[in-house]
Protein backbone atom coordinates (compact mmCIF):
# COMPACT_ATOMS: atom_id res chain seq x y z
CA MET A 1 -7.29 7.61 -20.95
CA THR A 2 -10.05 7.10 -18.96
CA LEU A 3 -11.88 3.83 -18.83
CA THR A 4 -16.02 3.62 -19.30
CA PRO A 5 -16.94 1.98 -15.59
CA SER A 6 -18.38 -0.97 -17.33
CA LEU A 7 -15.00 -1.66 -19.05
CA SER A 8 -13.71 -0.47 -15.41
CA ALA A 9 -15.69 -3.37 -13.94
CA ARG A 10 -14.67 -5.61 -16.82
CA VAL A 11 -10.84 -4.65 -16.06
CA ARG A 12 -11.38 -5.62 -12.12
CA ARG A 13 -13.23 -8.70 -12.56
CA ARG A 14 -10.76 -10.10 -15.00
CA ALA A 15 -7.72 -8.91 -13.34
CA PHE A 16 -9.00 -10.36 -9.53
CA ALA A 17 -9.38 -13.95 -11.58
CA GLY A 18 -6.01 -13.73 -12.72
CA ALA A 19 -4.57 -12.28 -9.36
CA LEU A 20 -6.35 -15.73 -7.89
CA VAL A 21 -4.22 -17.84 -10.58
CA VAL A 22 -1.36 -16.22 -9.76
CA SER A 23 -1.68 -16.31 -5.83
CA SER A 24 -2.75 -20.12 -6.08
CA LEU A 25 0.34 -20.97 -8.10
CA GLY A 26 2.33 -18.78 -6.57
CA CYS A 27 4.38 -17.40 -9.67
CA ILE A 28 5.29 -14.09 -8.15
CA ALA A 29 6.34 -15.45 -4.57
CA GLY A 30 9.86 -16.00 -5.57
CA VAL A 31 10.40 -12.10 -7.14
CA ASN A 32 12.16 -9.79 -5.15
CA ALA A 33 11.78 -11.75 -1.83
CA VAL A 34 12.24 -10.03 1.79
CA ASP A 35 15.96 -10.44 2.25
CA GLY A 36 16.75 -13.05 4.40
CA GLY A 37 19.48 -11.30 6.57
CA SER A 38 16.96 -8.39 7.38
CA ALA A 39 13.90 -11.07 7.81
CA ALA A 40 16.17 -12.47 10.06
CA ALA A 41 16.66 -9.75 12.29
CA ALA A 42 13.35 -8.26 12.98
CA THR A 43 9.83 -9.99 14.34
CA ASN A 44 6.70 -10.64 12.65
CA VAL A 45 7.58 -10.02 9.42
CA ASN A 46 4.01 -11.11 7.41
CA GLU A 47 3.98 -14.57 5.94
CA HIS A 48 3.11 -13.19 2.61
CA ALA A 49 5.62 -10.32 2.84
CA ALA A 50 7.65 -11.87 -0.16
CA GLU A 51 4.23 -12.33 -2.12
CA ILE A 52 3.27 -8.74 -1.30
CA THR A 53 6.58 -7.20 -2.11
CA ALA A 54 6.81 -9.21 -5.78
CA ALA A 55 3.24 -7.94 -6.70
CA ALA A 56 3.49 -4.42 -5.35
CA ASN A 57 6.85 -3.80 -7.41
CA GLU A 58 5.01 -4.92 -10.44
CA ALA A 59 2.31 -2.92 -9.89
CA VAL A 60 4.26 0.38 -9.39
CA ALA A 61 5.78 -0.06 -12.54
CA ALA A 62 2.72 -0.87 -14.45
CA LEU A 63 1.26 2.63 -12.54
CA ASP A 64 3.79 4.45 -13.45
CA ALA A 65 3.93 3.18 -16.88
CA TYR A 66 -0.09 3.89 -17.21
CA ARG A 67 0.54 7.94 -16.11
CA VAL A 68 2.75 8.54 -18.73
CA SER A 69 1.27 6.47 -21.74
CA GLY A 70 -2.55 6.18 -20.67
CA SER A 71 -2.76 3.46 -22.98
CA VAL A 72 -5.62 0.80 -22.14
CA GLU A 73 -2.68 -2.09 -22.56
CA ASP A 74 -0.86 -0.10 -19.77
CA GLU A 75 -4.30 -0.14 -17.70
CA LEU A 76 -5.08 -3.88 -17.93
CA THR A 77 -1.53 -4.37 -16.62
CA LEU A 78 -1.83 -2.26 -13.92
CA ALA A 79 -4.90 -3.75 -12.80
CA TRP A 80 -3.58 -7.24 -12.90
CA TYR A 81 -1.01 -6.27 -10.44
CA ARG A 82 -2.86 -4.14 -8.31
CA ALA A 83 -5.14 -6.97 -7.77
CA ALA A 84 -2.56 -9.69 -6.99
CA THR A 85 -1.23 -7.37 -4.46
CA ALA A 86 -4.60 -6.42 -3.20
CA SER A 87 -5.12 -10.10 -3.01
CA TRP A 88 -2.06 -11.47 -1.21
CA THR A 89 -2.81 -8.21 1.61
CA ALA A 90 -6.26 -9.47 1.91
CA LYS A 91 -4.47 -13.12 2.48
CA GLU A 92 -2.16 -11.91 4.91
CA LEU A 93 -5.05 -9.96 7.05
CA GLY A 94 -8.05 -12.72 6.44
CA TYR A 95 -10.34 -9.99 4.94
CA ASP A 96 -12.05 -10.01 1.95
CA GLU A 97 -9.82 -10.04 -1.57
CA MET A 98 -12.68 -8.67 -3.72
CA ALA A 99 -13.65 -5.52 -1.30
CA MET A 100 -9.55 -4.96 -1.10
CA VAL A 101 -9.40 -4.77 -5.14
CA ASP A 102 -12.11 -2.94 -5.31
CA ALA A 103 -11.11 -0.48 -2.24
CA TRP A 104 -7.90 -0.07 -3.87
CA SER A 105 -9.43 0.33 -7.69
CA SER A 106 -11.48 3.01 -6.90
CA ALA A 107 -8.90 5.51 -4.97
CA PRO A 108 -7.44 7.97 -6.89
CA LEU A 109 -4.03 7.26 -8.81
CA ASP A 110 -1.73 9.31 -6.63
CA HIS A 111 -3.36 7.35 -3.77
CA GLN A 112 -2.78 3.88 -5.36
CA ARG A 113 0.90 5.02 -6.03
CA ALA A 114 1.23 5.27 -2.12
CA VAL A 115 -0.05 2.47 -1.31
CA LEU A 116 1.51 0.29 -3.73
CA GLY A 117 5.05 2.01 -3.00
CA ALA A 118 4.46 1.45 0.84
CA LEU A 119 3.99 -2.09 -0.18
CA THR A 120 7.24 -2.92 -1.82
CA GLN A 121 8.79 -2.18 1.43
CA VAL A 122 6.91 -5.13 3.48
CA GLY A 123 9.59 -6.84 5.40
CA VAL A 124 12.14 -4.35 5.78
CA PRO A 125 13.10 -3.51 8.83
CA TYR A 126 12.09 -0.47 11.45
CA ARG A 127 14.67 1.75 12.01
CA SER A 128 14.41 5.49 13.70
CA ASN A 129 14.89 8.61 11.65
CA THR A 130 15.20 6.42 8.39
CA SER A 131 13.44 7.30 5.37
CA SER A 132 15.30 4.73 2.86
CA GLU A 133 13.98 2.43 0.26
CA GLY A 134 15.30 -1.41 1.22
CA VAL A 135 17.06 -0.33 4.35
CA GLY A 136 14.81 0.46 6.70
CA PHE A 137 11.80 3.34 7.63
CA ASP A 138 10.53 4.54 10.76
CA CYS A 139 6.61 5.29 10.65
CA SER A 140 6.50 8.67 9.19
CA GLY A 141 9.73 7.78 6.92
CA LEU A 142 7.52 5.15 5.61
CA THR A 143 4.46 7.47 5.02
CA THR A 144 6.83 10.11 3.40
CA TYR A 145 8.32 7.52 1.17
CA ALA A 146 5.37 6.59 -0.24
CA TRP A 147 4.05 10.02 -0.84
CA GLN A 148 7.33 11.09 -2.53
CA GLY A 149 6.43 8.51 -5.34
CA ALA A 150 3.38 9.27 -5.41
CA GLY A 151 4.87 12.98 -6.43
CA LEU A 152 4.16 14.57 -2.70
CA GLU A 153 6.48 15.61 -0.75
CA LEU A 154 5.56 14.90 3.01
CA TYR A 155 6.89 17.02 6.31
CA ARG A 156 8.97 14.42 8.28
CA GLN A 157 7.20 14.44 11.38
CA SER A 158 4.04 12.39 12.02
CA GLY A 159 2.31 14.83 13.91
CA THR A 160 2.91 17.50 11.14
CA GLN A 161 1.65 14.91 8.24
CA ILE A 162 -1.84 14.49 10.00
CA SER A 163 -1.89 18.25 10.84
CA GLU A 164 -1.59 19.48 7.58
CA ALA A 165 -3.95 17.14 5.80
CA ARG A 166 -7.28 17.77 5.14
CA SER A 167 -9.61 15.45 8.16
CA LEU A 168 -11.39 12.52 6.80
CA SER A 169 -13.93 10.32 8.24
CA LYS A 170 -13.20 6.98 8.50
CA ASP A 171 -16.16 6.41 5.77
CA GLU A 172 -14.82 9.28 3.77
CA ALA A 173 -11.21 7.69 3.65
CA GLN A 174 -9.75 6.00 1.01
CA ALA A 175 -6.78 3.45 0.39
CA GLY A 176 -3.54 6.04 0.92
CA ASP A 177 -4.80 8.53 3.51
CA LEU A 178 -2.88 8.48 6.85
CA VAL A 179 -3.94 7.29 10.00
CA TYR A 180 -2.60 8.73 12.83
CA TYR A 181 -2.46 8.22 16.65
CA PRO A 182 -0.34 10.05 19.03
CA GLY A 183 3.31 9.46 17.94
CA HIS A 184 2.22 7.32 14.95
CA VAL A 185 1.20 7.64 11.36
CA MET A 186 0.12 5.12 8.82
CA LEU A 187 -1.36 4.64 5.53
CA TYR A 188 -4.50 3.16 5.31
CA LEU A 189 -5.75 0.58 3.02
CA GLY A 190 -9.78 1.19 2.44
CA VAL A 191 -11.05 -2.01 4.18
CA ASP A 192 -11.93 -2.05 7.60
CA ASP A 193 -9.47 -1.43 10.17
CA ALA A 194 -6.38 -2.41 7.57
CA ILE A 195 -3.44 -0.23 7.26
CA VAL A 196 0.30 -0.66 6.33
CA HIS A 197 3.02 0.80 8.72
CA SER A 198 6.65 0.84 9.93
CA VAL A 199 5.84 -0.30 13.98
CA GLN A 200 8.53 -0.02 16.08
CA THR A 201 12.54 -1.10 16.86
CA GLY A 202 12.53 -5.15 16.03
CA ARG A 203 9.95 -5.17 13.90
CA THR A 204 9.19 -4.56 10.01
CA VAL A 205 7.19 -2.31 7.13
CA GLU A 206 3.69 -4.69 7.97
CA VAL A 207 0.09 -5.05 6.63
CA ASP A 208 -1.51 -4.77 9.65
CA THR A 209 -4.81 -3.63 11.27
CA ILE A 210 -5.68 -0.73 13.43
CA ARG A 211 -4.90 -1.38 17.07
CA ARG A 212 -6.62 1.88 18.90
CA GLY A 213 -9.79 2.62 19.33
CA SER A 214 -9.44 6.64 18.60
CA VAL A 215 -7.50 7.51 15.41
CA ARG A 216 -7.46 10.30 13.38
CA PHE A 217 -7.69 10.05 9.10
CA GLY A 218 -6.65 12.41 6.66
CA ASP A 219 -6.19 12.99 2.89
CA PRO A 220 -2.38 14.29 2.56
CA THR A 221 -3.27 15.84 -0.86
CA GLN A 222 -6.00 18.05 0.33
CA SER A 223 -5.45 20.82 3.75
CA ASP A 224 -8.38 21.76 5.73
């Protein structure tokens, strides 16, 4: 079922307002919190990792339910938890929360699923040659995991992932598209320079910003 534009706008506004309440109360912060041992072993864990992963897990469950049912009720649940996840992610990065909510809600469902799936793993340690939920990821391991949840199998190598994706300008890129510089691949979060990636040894899966001046963007669901 597809919501009308006017209903979609109301859903986004209602979900965003609800997400702000959830964020201010911190009522989802304790759900699915980052494992203390894993976090202690790594540096630069996002301050709001527990809140992001809690909301993202709820959003993934809601999105998967909506894809099966197509019901307005499941769409409303998805919108609520997607907005909560976007709100916590924007807080972490110091970005405008409504801009992130809108960027995610306007992306295709498979792109949303990839973003939300990746965000369920925020705080999980970087591990080379690994793509294992709750255990560890390298950069292409995270993008592979995220897009696998959306139903797309990516080749398990960063350069191949971007070369097989349709090239995009930054203005064309949506949340869930790939961002690449030589040797490293990330997922775009749809706003400014926001990304989620698995960084390097001693770090974790993190929401972050692009730190290279020259990067490539690509849509993995299409090819050139």
